PDB file of N, CA and C in Angstrom:
ATOM      1  N   MET A   1      16.079   1.982  -0.226  1.00  0.00           N
ATOM      2  CA  MET A   1      14.822   2.703  -0.256  1.00  0.00           C
ATOM      3  C   MET A   1      15.126   4.200  -0.217  1.00  0.00           C
ATOM      4  N   ASN A   2      14.322   4.970  -0.900  1.00  0.00           N
ATOM      5  CA  ASN A   2      14.443   6.415  -0.995  1.00  0.00           C
ATOM      6  C   ASN A   2      14.421   7.069   0.395  1.00  0.00           C
ATOM      7  N   GLU A   3      15.326   8.018   0.620  1.00  0.00           N
ATOM      8  CA  GLU A   3      15.444   8.672   1.933  1.00  0.00           C
ATOM      9  C   GLU A   3      14.177   9.407   2.352  1.00  0.00           C
ATOM     10  N   SER A   4      13.469  10.028   1.407  1.00  0.00           N
ATOM     11  CA  SER A   4      12.253  10.758   1.791  1.00  0.00           C
ATOM     12  C   SER A   4      11.153   9.796   2.241  1.00  0.00           C
ATOM     13  N   ILE A   5      11.115   8.611   1.667  1.00  0.00           N
ATOM     14  CA  ILE A   5      10.136   7.607   2.100  1.00  0.00           C
ATOM     15  C   ILE A   5      10.513   7.084   3.485  1.00  0.00           C
ATOM     16  N   ILE A   6      11.784   6.823   3.690  1.00  0.00           N
ATOM     17  CA  ILE A   6      12.246   6.385   5.010  1.00  0.00           C
ATOM     18  C   ILE A   6      11.908   7.445   6.054  1.00  0.00           C
ATOM     19  N   HIS A   7      12.108   8.697   5.714  1.00  0.00           N
ATOM     20  CA  HIS A   7      11.782   9.800   6.632  1.00  0.00           C
ATOM     21  C   HIS A   7      10.291   9.790   6.980  1.00  0.00           C
ATOM     22  N   LEU A   8       9.427   9.619   5.974  1.00  0.00           N
ATOM     23  CA  LEU A   8       7.982   9.563   6.226  1.00  0.00           C
ATOM     24  C   LEU A   8       7.631   8.414   7.166  1.00  0.00           C
ATOM     25  N   ILE A   9       8.229   7.256   6.932  1.00  0.00           N
ATOM     26  CA  ILE A   9       7.935   6.082   7.759  1.00  0.00           C
ATOM     27  C   ILE A   9       8.414   6.311   9.198  1.00  0.00           C
ATOM     28  N   ARG A  10       9.608   6.823   9.341  1.00  0.00           N
ATOM     29  CA  ARG A  10      10.167   7.042  10.687  1.00  0.00           C
ATOM     30  C   ARG A  10       9.387   8.082  11.480  1.00  0.00           C
ATOM     31  N   HIS A  11       8.771   9.019  10.791  1.00  0.00           N
ATOM     32  CA  HIS A  11       8.045  10.087  11.473  1.00  0.00           C
ATOM     33  C   HIS A  11       6.537   9.854  11.513  1.00  0.00           C
ATOM     34  N   PHE A  12       6.120   8.669  11.102  1.00  0.00           N
ATOM     35  CA  PHE A  12       4.703   8.326  11.180  1.00  0.00           C
ATOM     36  C   PHE A  12       4.316   8.187  12.646  1.00  0.00           C
ATOM     37  N   ASP A  13       3.237   8.818  13.032  1.00  0.00           N
ATOM     38  CA  ASP A  13       2.806   8.800  14.426  1.00  0.00           C
ATOM     39  C   ASP A  13       1.508   8.011  14.554  1.00  0.00           C
ATOM     40  N   GLU A  14       1.607   6.824  15.141  1.00  0.00           N
ATOM     41  CA  GLU A  14       0.431   5.965  15.322  1.00  0.00           C
ATOM     42  C   GLU A  14      -0.670   6.632  16.129  1.00  0.00           C
ATOM     43  N   LYS A  15      -0.306   7.611  16.930  1.00  0.00           N
ATOM     44  CA  LYS A  15      -1.311   8.302  17.744  1.00  0.00           C
ATOM     45  C   LYS A  15      -2.325   9.051  16.882  1.00  0.00           C
ATOM     46  N   ASN A  16      -1.980   9.295  15.626  1.00  0.00           N
ATOM     47  CA  ASN A  16      -2.901   9.986  14.717  1.00  0.00           C
ATOM     48  C   ASN A  16      -3.975   9.063  14.146  1.00  0.00           C
ATOM     49  N   ILE A  17      -3.870   7.770  14.402  1.00  0.00           N
ATOM     50  CA  ILE A  17      -4.890   6.827  13.939  1.00  0.00           C
ATOM     51  C   ILE A  17      -6.006   6.812  14.973  1.00  0.00           C
ATOM     52  N   PRO A  18      -7.229   7.138  14.564  1.00  0.00           N
ATOM     53  CA  PRO A  18      -8.342   7.149  15.523  1.00  0.00           C
ATOM     54  C   PRO A  18      -8.558   5.766  16.149  1.00  0.00           C
ATOM     55  N   ALA A  19      -8.989   5.744  17.395  1.00  0.00           N
ATOM     56  CA  ALA A  19      -9.218   4.493  18.129  1.00  0.00           C
ATOM     57  C   ALA A  19     -10.185   3.582  17.383  1.00  0.00           C
ATOM     58  N   GLU A  20     -11.223   4.160  16.782  1.00  0.00           N
ATOM     59  CA  GLU A  20     -12.207   3.343  16.041  1.00  0.00           C
ATOM     60  C   GLU A  20     -11.539   2.631  14.867  1.00  0.00           C
ATOM     61  N   ARG A  21     -10.611   3.311  14.214  1.00  0.00           N
ATOM     62  CA  ARG A  21      -9.916   2.720  13.068  1.00  0.00           C
ATOM     63  C   ARG A  21      -8.998   1.593  13.530  1.00  0.00           C
ATOM     64  N   LYS A  22      -8.362   1.776  14.672  1.00  0.00           N
ATOM     65  CA  LYS A  22      -7.491   0.727  15.211  1.00  0.00           C
ATOM     66  C   LYS A  22      -8.285  -0.542  15.497  1.00  0.00           C
ATOM     67  N   ILE A  23      -9.504  -0.380  15.969  1.00  0.00           N
ATOM     68  CA  ILE A  23     -10.369  -1.540  16.233  1.00  0.00           C
ATOM     69  C   ILE A  23     -10.673  -2.268  14.930  1.00  0.00           C
ATOM     70  N   VAL A  24     -10.991  -1.514  13.891  1.00  0.00           N
ATOM     71  CA  VAL A  24     -11.302  -2.107  12.581  1.00  0.00           C
ATOM     72  C   VAL A  24     -10.078  -2.824  12.009  1.00  0.00           C
ATOM     73  N   LEU A  25      -8.893  -2.274  12.226  1.00  0.00           N
ATOM     74  CA  LEU A  25      -7.663  -2.840  11.665  1.00  0.00           C
ATOM     75  C   LEU A  25      -7.089  -4.008  12.472  1.00  0.00           C
ATOM     76  N   GLN A  26      -7.556  -4.203  13.699  1.00  0.00           N
ATOM     77  CA  GLN A  26      -6.997  -5.249  14.558  1.00  0.00           C
ATOM     78  C   GLN A  26      -7.050  -6.646  13.930  1.00  0.00           C
ATOM     79  N   PRO A  27      -8.171  -7.072  13.318  1.00  0.00           N
ATOM     80  CA  PRO A  27      -8.171  -8.401  12.693  1.00  0.00           C
ATOM     81  C   PRO A  27      -7.115  -8.540  11.587  1.00  0.00           C
ATOM     82  N   LEU A  28      -6.865  -7.472  10.857  1.00  0.00           N
ATOM     83  CA  LEU A  28      -5.825  -7.504   9.831  1.00  0.00           C
ATOM     84  C   LEU A  28      -4.449  -7.667  10.473  1.00  0.00           C
ATOM     85  N   LYS A  29      -4.191  -6.930  11.534  1.00  0.00           N
ATOM     86  CA  LYS A  29      -2.928  -7.075  12.255  1.00  0.00           C
ATOM     87  C   LYS A  29      -2.764  -8.497  12.781  1.00  0.00           C
ATOM     88  N   ASP A  30      -3.837  -9.051  13.336  1.00  0.00           N
ATOM     89  CA  ASP A  30      -3.793 -10.417  13.866  1.00  0.00           C
ATOM     90  C   ASP A  30      -3.501 -11.423  12.758  1.00  0.00           C
ATOM     91  N   TYR A  31      -4.147 -11.240  11.603  1.00  0.00           N
ATOM     92  CA  TYR A  31      -3.940 -12.131  10.455  1.00  0.00           C
ATOM     93  C   TYR A  31      -2.476 -12.097  10.011  1.00  0.00           C
ATOM     94  N   ILE A  32      -1.917 -10.903   9.888  1.00  0.00           N
ATOM     95  CA  ILE A  32      -0.526 -10.761   9.449  1.00  0.00           C
ATOM     96  C   ILE A  32       0.420 -11.397  10.460  1.00  0.00           C
ATOM     97  N   ARG A  33       0.187 -11.156  11.731  1.00  0.00           N
ATOM     98  CA  ARG A  33       1.044 -11.749  12.775  1.00  0.00           C
ATOM     99  C   ARG A  33       0.961 -13.272  12.776  1.00  0.00           C
ATOM    100  N   GLN A  34      -0.266 -13.802  12.644  1.00  0.00           N
ATOM    101  CA  GLN A  34      -0.448 -15.249  12.662  1.00  0.00           C
ATOM    102  C   GLN A  34       0.277 -15.896  11.481  1.00  0.00           C
ATOM    103  N   LYS A  35       0.054 -15.379  10.286  1.00  0.00           N
ATOM    104  CA  LYS A  35       0.708 -15.937   9.098  1.00  0.00           C
ATOM    105  C   LYS A  35       2.226 -15.825   9.212  1.00  0.00           C
ATOM    106  N   SER A  36       2.694 -14.681   9.678  1.00  0.00           N
ATOM    107  CA  SER A  36       4.137 -14.467   9.814  1.00  0.00           C
ATOM    108  C   SER A  36       4.746 -15.422  10.828  1.00  0.00           C
ATOM    109  N   SER A  37       4.053 -15.645  11.939  1.00  0.00           N
ATOM    110  CA  SER A  37       4.588 -16.539  12.972  1.00  0.00           C
ATOM    111  C   SER A  37       4.680 -17.980  12.478  1.00  0.00           C
ATOM    112  N   LEU A  38       3.820 -18.341  11.524  1.00  0.00           N
ATOM    113  CA  LEU A  38       3.856 -19.682  10.941  1.00  0.00           C
ATOM    114  C   LEU A  38       4.768 -19.742   9.716  1.00  0.00           C
ATOM    115  N   ASN A  39       5.413 -18.611   9.415  1.00  0.00           N
ATOM    116  CA  ASN A  39       6.279 -18.494   8.245  1.00  0.00           C
ATOM    117  C   ASN A  39       5.530 -18.778   6.944  1.00  0.00           C
ATOM    118  N   GLU A  40       4.265 -18.412   6.917  1.00  0.00           N
ATOM    119  CA  GLU A  40       3.432 -18.578   5.726  1.00  0.00           C
ATOM    120  C   GLU A  40       3.336 -17.251   4.987  1.00  0.00           C
ATOM    121  N   PRO A  41       3.139 -17.296   3.666  1.00  0.00           N
ATOM    122  CA  PRO A  41       3.002 -16.039   2.928  1.00  0.00           C
ATOM    123  C   PRO A  41       1.755 -15.268   3.359  1.00  0.00           C
ATOM    124  N   VAL A  42       1.901 -13.964   3.417  1.00  0.00           N
ATOM    125  CA  VAL A  42       0.784 -13.072   3.713  1.00  0.00           C
ATOM    126  C   VAL A  42       0.427 -12.391   2.402  1.00  0.00           C
ATOM    127  N   ARG A  43      -0.812 -12.565   1.976  1.00  0.00           N
ATOM    128  CA  ARG A  43      -1.267 -11.951   0.724  1.00  0.00           C
ATOM    129  C   ARG A  43      -2.395 -10.985   1.049  1.00  0.00           C
ATOM    130  N   LEU A  44      -2.162  -9.712   0.723  1.00  0.00           N
ATOM    131  CA  LEU A  44      -3.151  -8.677   0.983  1.00  0.00           C
ATOM    132  C   LEU A  44      -3.642  -8.124  -0.348  1.00  0.00           C
ATOM    133  N   ASN A  45      -4.946  -8.116  -0.527  1.00  0.00           N
ATOM    134  CA  ASN A  45      -5.537  -7.589  -1.754  1.00  0.00           C
ATOM    135  C   ASN A  45      -6.415  -6.400  -1.386  1.00  0.00           C
ATOM    136  N   PHE A  46      -6.054  -5.236  -1.865  1.00  0.00           N
ATOM    137  CA  PHE A  46      -6.789  -4.007  -1.569  1.00  0.00           C
ATOM    138  C   PHE A  46      -7.743  -3.721  -2.722  1.00  0.00           C
ATOM    139  N   ILE A  47      -9.031  -3.624  -2.409  1.00  0.00           N
ATOM    140  CA  ILE A  47     -10.071  -3.471  -3.423  1.00  0.00           C
ATOM    141  C   ILE A  47     -10.809  -2.154  -3.221  1.00  0.00           C
ATOM    142  N   CYS A  48     -11.018  -1.440  -4.310  1.00  0.00           N
ATOM    143  CA  CYS A  48     -11.946  -0.306  -4.314  1.00  0.00           C
ATOM    144  C   CYS A  48     -12.699  -0.359  -5.644  1.00  0.00           C
ATOM    145  N   THR A  49     -13.706   0.431  -5.777  1.00  0.00           N
ATOM    146  CA  THR A  49     -14.575   0.329  -6.955  1.00  0.00           C
ATOM    147  C   THR A  49     -13.798   0.408  -8.261  1.00  0.00           C
ATOM    148  N   HIS A  50     -13.008   1.427  -8.440  1.00  0.00           N
ATOM    149  CA  HIS A  50     -12.362   1.652  -9.733  1.00  0.00           C
ATOM    150  C   HIS A  50     -10.910   1.197  -9.812  1.00  0.00           C
ATOM    151  N   ASN A  51     -10.324   0.795  -8.713  1.00  0.00           N
ATOM    152  CA  ASN A  51      -8.903   0.437  -8.677  1.00  0.00           C
ATOM    153  C   ASN A  51      -8.071   1.549  -9.320  1.00  0.00           C
ATOM    154  N   SER A  52      -8.374   2.778  -8.941  1.00  0.00           N
ATOM    155  CA  SER A  52      -7.652   3.901  -9.531  1.00  0.00           C
ATOM    156  C   SER A  52      -7.023   4.818  -8.488  1.00  0.00           C
ATOM    157  N   ARG A  53      -7.439   4.699  -7.241  1.00  0.00           N
ATOM    158  CA  ARG A  53      -6.926   5.604  -6.206  1.00  0.00           C
ATOM    159  C   ARG A  53      -6.553   4.839  -4.930  1.00  0.00           C
ATOM    160  N   ARG A  54      -7.575   4.621  -4.088  1.00  0.00           N
ATOM    161  CA  ARG A  54      -7.341   4.049  -2.752  1.00  0.00           C
ATOM    162  C   ARG A  54      -6.644   2.701  -2.790  1.00  0.00           C
ATOM    163  N   SER A  55      -7.080   1.827  -3.672  1.00  0.00           N
ATOM    164  CA  SER A  55      -6.487   0.485  -3.699  1.00  0.00           C
ATOM    165  C   SER A  55      -5.014   0.539  -4.087  1.00  0.00           C
ATOM    166  N   HIS A  56      -4.675   1.404  -5.037  1.00  0.00           N
ATOM    167  CA  HIS A  56      -3.266   1.538  -5.426  1.00  0.00           C
ATOM    168  C   HIS A  56      -2.432   2.116  -4.284  1.00  0.00           C
ATOM    169  N   LEU A  57      -2.934   3.177  -3.664  1.00  0.00           N
ATOM    170  CA  LEU A  57      -2.194   3.776  -2.547  1.00  0.00           C
ATOM    171  C   LEU A  57      -1.996   2.768  -1.418  1.00  0.00           C
ATOM    172  N   ALA A  58      -3.043   2.017  -1.104  1.00  0.00           N
ATOM    173  CA  ALA A  58      -2.947   1.015  -0.037  1.00  0.00           C
ATOM    174  C   ALA A  58      -1.943  -0.075  -0.400  1.00  0.00           C
ATOM    175  N   GLN A  59      -2.014  -0.564  -1.632  1.00  0.00           N
ATOM    176  CA  GLN A  59      -1.091  -1.611  -2.073  1.00  0.00           C
ATOM    177  C   GLN A  59       0.356  -1.130  -2.011  1.00  0.00           C
ATOM    178  N   ILE A  60       0.599   0.033  -2.563  1.00  0.00           N
ATOM    179  CA  ILE A  60       1.967   0.548  -2.634  1.00  0.00           C
ATOM    180  C   ILE A  60       2.526   0.814  -1.243  1.00  0.00           C
ATOM    181  N   TRP A  61       1.734   1.439  -0.384  1.00  0.00           N
ATOM    182  CA  TRP A  61       2.236   1.732   0.960  1.00  0.00           C
ATOM    183  C   TRP A  61       2.368   0.473   1.812  1.00  0.00           C
ATOM    184  N   ALA A  62       1.463  -0.473   1.666  1.00  0.00           N
ATOM    185  CA  ALA A  62       1.584  -1.721   2.435  1.00  0.00           C
ATOM    186  C   ALA A  62       2.843  -2.482   2.018  1.00  0.00           C
ATOM    187  N   GLN A  63       3.105  -2.555   0.708  1.00  0.00           N
ATOM    188  CA  GLN A  63       4.301  -3.253   0.236  1.00  0.00           C
ATOM    189  C   GLN A  63       5.560  -2.502   0.659  1.00  0.00           C
ATOM    190  N   THR A  64       5.504  -1.185   0.633  1.00  0.00           N
ATOM    191  CA  THR A  64       6.641  -0.367   1.067  1.00  0.00           C
ATOM    192  C   THR A  64       6.935  -0.589   2.547  1.00  0.00           C
ATOM    193  N   MET A  65       5.895  -0.601   3.360  1.00  0.00           N
ATOM    194  CA  MET A  65       6.080  -0.839   4.799  1.00  0.00           C
ATOM    195  C   MET A  65       6.619  -2.245   5.047  1.00  0.00           C
ATOM    196  N   ALA A  66       6.117  -3.221   4.300  1.00  0.00           N
ATOM    197  CA  ALA A  66       6.612  -4.595   4.445  1.00  0.00           C
ATOM    198  C   ALA A  66       8.106  -4.646   4.133  1.00  0.00           C
ATOM    199  N   HIS A  67       8.504  -3.974   3.077  1.00  0.00           N
ATOM    200  CA  HIS A  67       9.924  -3.939   2.714  1.00  0.00           C
ATOM    201  C   HIS A  67      10.741  -3.240   3.803  1.00  0.00           C
ATOM    202  N   HIS A  68      10.257  -2.100   4.251  1.00  0.00           N
ATOM    203  CA  HIS A  68      10.976  -1.329   5.273  1.00  0.00           C
ATOM    204  C   HIS A  68      11.171  -2.144   6.555  1.00  0.00           C
ATOM    205  N   PHE A  69      10.139  -2.883   6.954  1.00  0.00           N
ATOM    206  CA  PHE A  69      10.213  -3.668   8.188  1.00  0.00           C
ATOM    207  C   PHE A  69      10.648  -5.113   7.937  1.00  0.00           C
ATOM    208  N   GLU A  70      11.192  -5.358   6.741  1.00  0.00           N
ATOM    209  CA  GLU A  70      11.794  -6.638   6.356  1.00  0.00           C
ATOM    210  C   GLU A  70      10.842  -7.817   6.495  1.00  0.00           C
ATOM    211  N   LYS A  71       9.609  -7.627   6.074  1.00  0.00           N
ATOM    212  CA  LYS A  71       8.622  -8.711   6.023  1.00  0.00           C
ATOM    213  C   LYS A  71       8.745  -9.356   4.644  1.00  0.00           C
ATOM    214  N   GLN A  72       9.572 -10.379   4.557  1.00  0.00           N
ATOM    215  CA  GLN A  72       9.928 -10.981   3.276  1.00  0.00           C
ATOM    216  C   GLN A  72       8.782 -11.706   2.585  1.00  0.00           C
ATOM    217  N   ASN A  73       7.853 -12.202   3.348  1.00  0.00           N
ATOM    218  CA  ASN A  73       6.818 -13.081   2.818  1.00  0.00           C
ATOM    219  C   ASN A  73       5.462 -12.383   2.723  1.00  0.00           C
ATOM    220  N   LEU A  74       5.459 -11.064   2.522  1.00  0.00           N
ATOM    221  CA  LEU A  74       4.220 -10.300   2.441  1.00  0.00           C
ATOM    222  C   LEU A  74       4.074  -9.742   1.030  1.00  0.00           C
ATOM    223  N   PHE A  75       2.939 -10.043   0.401  1.00  0.00           N
ATOM    224  CA  PHE A  75       2.698  -9.661  -0.987  1.00  0.00           C
ATOM    225  C   PHE A  75       1.399  -8.874  -1.080  1.00  0.00           C
ATOM    226  N   CYS A  76       1.440  -7.740  -1.752  1.00  0.00           N
ATOM    227  CA  CYS A  76       0.276  -6.855  -1.822  1.00  0.00           C
ATOM    228  C   CYS A  76      -0.205  -6.712  -3.260  1.00  0.00           C
ATOM    229  N   TYR A  77      -1.516  -6.647  -3.404  1.00  0.00           N
ATOM    230  CA  TYR A  77      -2.159  -6.529  -4.708  1.00  0.00           C
ATOM    231  C   TYR A  77      -3.258  -5.482  -4.607  1.00  0.00           C
ATOM    232  N   SER A  78      -3.716  -5.014  -5.764  1.00  0.00           N
ATOM    233  CA  SER A  78      -4.879  -4.126  -5.766  1.00  0.00           C
ATOM    234  C   SER A  78      -5.813  -4.548  -6.883  1.00  0.00           C
ATOM    235  N   GLY A  79      -7.082  -4.240  -6.694  1.00  0.00           N
ATOM    236  CA  GLY A  79      -8.082  -4.581  -7.700  1.00  0.00           C
ATOM    237  C   GLY A  79      -9.312  -3.725  -7.526  1.00  0.00           C
ATOM    238  N   GLY A  80     -10.210  -3.856  -8.476  1.00  0.00           N
ATOM    239  CA  GLY A  80     -11.450  -3.094  -8.409  1.00  0.00           C
ATOM    240  C   GLY A  80     -12.570  -3.814  -9.128  1.00  0.00           C
ATOM    241  N   THR A  81     -13.767  -3.321  -8.943  1.00  0.00           N
ATOM    242  CA  THR A  81     -14.926  -3.932  -9.595  1.00  0.00           C
ATOM    243  C   THR A  81     -15.123  -3.390 -11.004  1.00  0.00           C
ATOM    244  N   GLU A  82     -14.408  -2.317 -11.359  1.00  0.00           N
ATOM    245  CA  GLU A  82     -14.439  -1.749 -12.708  1.00  0.00           C
ATOM    246  C   GLU A  82     -13.007  -1.500 -13.159  1.00  0.00           C
ATOM    247  N   ALA A  83     -12.743  -1.742 -14.436  1.00  0.00           N
ATOM    248  CA  ALA A  83     -11.407  -1.498 -14.979  1.00  0.00           C
ATOM    249  C   ALA A  83     -11.283  -0.029 -15.380  1.00  0.00           C
ATOM    250  N   THR A  84     -10.392   0.676 -14.716  1.00  0.00           N
ATOM    251  CA  THR A  84     -10.129   2.077 -15.039  1.00  0.00           C
ATOM    252  C   THR A  84      -8.640   2.350 -14.914  1.00  0.00           C
ATOM    253  N   ALA A  85      -8.223   3.481 -15.423  1.00  0.00           N
ATOM    254  CA  ALA A  85      -6.820   3.877 -15.354  1.00  0.00           C
ATOM    255  C   ALA A  85      -6.501   4.469 -13.986  1.00  0.00           C
ATOM    256  N   LEU A  86      -5.243   4.458 -13.662  1.00  0.00           N
ATOM    257  CA  LEU A  86      -4.773   5.082 -12.426  1.00  0.00           C
ATOM    258  C   LEU A  86      -5.064   6.580 -12.493  1.00  0.00           C
ATOM    259  N   PHE A  87      -5.665   7.108 -11.451  1.00  0.00           N
ATOM    260  CA  PHE A  87      -6.002   8.529 -11.397  1.00  0.00           C
ATOM    261  C   PHE A  87      -4.706   9.341 -11.354  1.00  0.00           C
ATOM    262  N   PRO A  88      -4.548  10.343 -12.230  1.00  0.00           N
ATOM    263  CA  PRO A  88      -3.280  11.093 -12.309  1.00  0.00           C
ATOM    264  C   PRO A  88      -2.818  11.701 -10.986  1.00  0.00           C
ATOM    265  N   ALA A  89      -3.738  12.130 -10.139  1.00  0.00           N
ATOM    266  CA  ALA A  89      -3.337  12.724  -8.858  1.00  0.00           C
ATOM    267  C   ALA A  89      -2.630  11.708  -7.962  1.00  0.00           C
ATOM    268  N   VAL A  90      -2.912  10.419  -8.148  1.00  0.00           N
ATOM    269  CA  VAL A  90      -2.233   9.379  -7.365  1.00  0.00           C
ATOM    270  C   VAL A  90      -0.752   9.364  -7.726  1.00  0.00           C
ATOM    271  N   VAL A  91      -0.455   9.471  -9.006  1.00  0.00           N
ATOM    272  CA  VAL A  91       0.940   9.511  -9.453  1.00  0.00           C
ATOM    273  C   VAL A  91       1.645  10.712  -8.831  1.00  0.00           C
ATOM    274  N   GLN A  92       0.999  11.858  -8.870  1.00  0.00           N
ATOM    275  CA  GLN A  92       1.595  13.072  -8.300  1.00  0.00           C
ATOM    276  C   GLN A  92       1.794  12.934  -6.789  1.00  0.00           C
ATOM    277  N   THR A  93       0.819  12.328  -6.115  1.00  0.00           N
ATOM    278  CA  THR A  93       0.925  12.110  -4.667  1.00  0.00           C
ATOM    279  C   THR A  93       2.112  11.209  -4.345  1.00  0.00           C
ATOM    280  N   LEU A  94       2.232  10.109  -5.075  1.00  0.00           N
ATOM    281  CA  LEU A  94       3.333   9.178  -4.831  1.00  0.00           C
ATOM    282  C   LEU A  94       4.682   9.833  -5.114  1.00  0.00           C
ATOM    283  N   LYS A  95       4.754  10.604  -6.185  1.00  0.00           N
ATOM    284  CA  LYS A  95       6.001  11.322  -6.488  1.00  0.00           C
ATOM    285  C   LYS A  95       6.339  12.303  -5.371  1.00  0.00           C
ATOM    286  N   ALA A  96       5.331  13.017  -4.878  1.00  0.00           N
ATOM    287  CA  ALA A  96       5.550  13.985  -3.796  1.00  0.00           C
ATOM    288  C   ALA A  96       6.027  13.292  -2.519  1.00  0.00           C
ATOM    289  N   GLN A  97       5.640  12.033  -2.339  1.00  0.00           N
ATOM    290  CA  GLN A  97       6.052  11.276  -1.158  1.00  0.00           C
ATOM    291  C   GLN A  97       7.437  10.656  -1.327  1.00  0.00           C
ATOM    292  N   GLY A  98       7.992  10.734  -2.542  1.00  0.00           N
ATOM    293  CA  GLY A  98       9.344  10.237  -2.767  1.00  0.00           C
ATOM    294  C   GLY A  98       9.450   9.015  -3.650  1.00  0.00           C
ATOM    295  N   PHE A  99       8.335   8.504  -4.136  1.00  0.00           N
ATOM    296  CA  PHE A  99       8.381   7.344  -5.030  1.00  0.00           C
ATOM    297  C   PHE A  99       8.823   7.782  -6.424  1.00  0.00           C
ATOM    298  N   HIS A 100       9.553   6.911  -7.094  1.00  0.00           N
ATOM    299  CA  HIS A 100       9.942   7.156  -8.480  1.00  0.00           C
ATOM    300  C   HIS A 100       8.966   6.389  -9.364  1.00  0.00           C
ATOM    301  N   ILE A 101       8.226   7.107 -10.178  1.00  0.00           N
ATOM    302  CA  ILE A 101       7.197   6.517 -11.028  1.00  0.00           C
ATOM    303  C   ILE A 101       7.652   6.622 -12.477  1.00  0.00           C
ATOM    304  N   MET A 102       7.561   5.514 -13.196  1.00  0.00           N
ATOM    305  CA  MET A 102       7.933   5.511 -14.601  1.00  0.00           C
ATOM    306  C   MET A 102       6.760   4.972 -15.416  1.00  0.00           C
ATOM    307  N   GLU A 103       6.298   5.769 -16.362  1.00  0.00           N
ATOM    308  CA  GLU A 103       5.214   5.327 -17.235  1.00  0.00           C
ATOM    309  C   GLU A 103       5.784   4.353 -18.260  1.00  0.00           C
ATOM    310  N   LEU A 104       5.162   3.196 -18.385  1.00  0.00           N
ATOM    311  CA  LEU A 104       5.665   2.164 -19.290  1.00  0.00           C
ATOM    312  C   LEU A 104       5.022   2.219 -20.663  1.00  0.00           C
ATOM    313  N   ALA A 105       3.814   2.817 -20.754  1.00  0.00           N
ATOM    314  CA  ALA A 105       3.110   2.850 -22.037  1.00  0.00           C
ATOM    315  C   ALA A 105       2.133   4.016 -22.056  1.00  0.00           C
ATOM    316  N   LYS A 106       1.879   4.523 -23.241  1.00  0.00           N
ATOM    317  CA  LYS A 106       0.861   5.562 -23.432  1.00  0.00           C
ATOM    318  C   LYS A 106      -0.367   4.870 -24.006  1.00  0.00           C
ATOM    319  N   THR A 107      -1.188   4.322 -23.116  1.00  0.00           N
ATOM    320  CA  THR A 107      -2.394   3.617 -23.538  1.00  0.00           C
ATOM    321  C   THR A 107      -3.567   4.113 -22.712  1.00  0.00           C
ATOM    322  N   GLU A 108      -4.739   3.554 -22.975  1.00  0.00           N
ATOM    323  CA  GLU A 108      -5.934   3.941 -22.234  1.00  0.00           C
ATOM    324  C   GLU A 108      -5.793   3.646 -20.744  1.00  0.00           C
ATOM    325  N   ASN A 109      -5.090   2.580 -20.410  1.00  0.00           N
ATOM    326  CA  ASN A 109      -4.883   2.203 -19.019  1.00  0.00           C
ATOM    327  C   ASN A 109      -3.384   2.031 -18.785  1.00  0.00           C
ATOM    328  N   PRO A 110      -2.622   3.150 -18.729  1.00  0.00           N
ATOM    329  CA  PRO A 110      -1.165   3.046 -18.628  1.00  0.00           C
ATOM    330  C   PRO A 110      -0.704   2.505 -17.287  1.00  0.00           C
ATOM    331  N   VAL A 111       0.451   1.895 -17.310  1.00  0.00           N
ATOM    332  CA  VAL A 111       1.074   1.386 -16.094  1.00  0.00           C
ATOM    333  C   VAL A 111       1.966   2.471 -15.530  1.00  0.00           C
TER     334      VAL A 111
END
């Protein structure tokens, strides 16, 4: 894994997560722990309206964290209620965070 991403993960401070958000996320944490303890696959699907920003960032970071913490049976997906292309600022954000992004095609909805 890229050193700058490892650095971001190691310096992540859970204290910056508001208490209200931790309450909302607790059922997700419980679900992941339960599935993991049973050695069952954990499948997380992140949905936002356009599947162009938040869902991609959530999917990529969740899968990255799973890899970093050696959660072998955790699979992340993203989707939306409308088909749109990835917002260009997301690519720039991910690159700035240390991800290597490669465009596979020059189409209306590039990968």
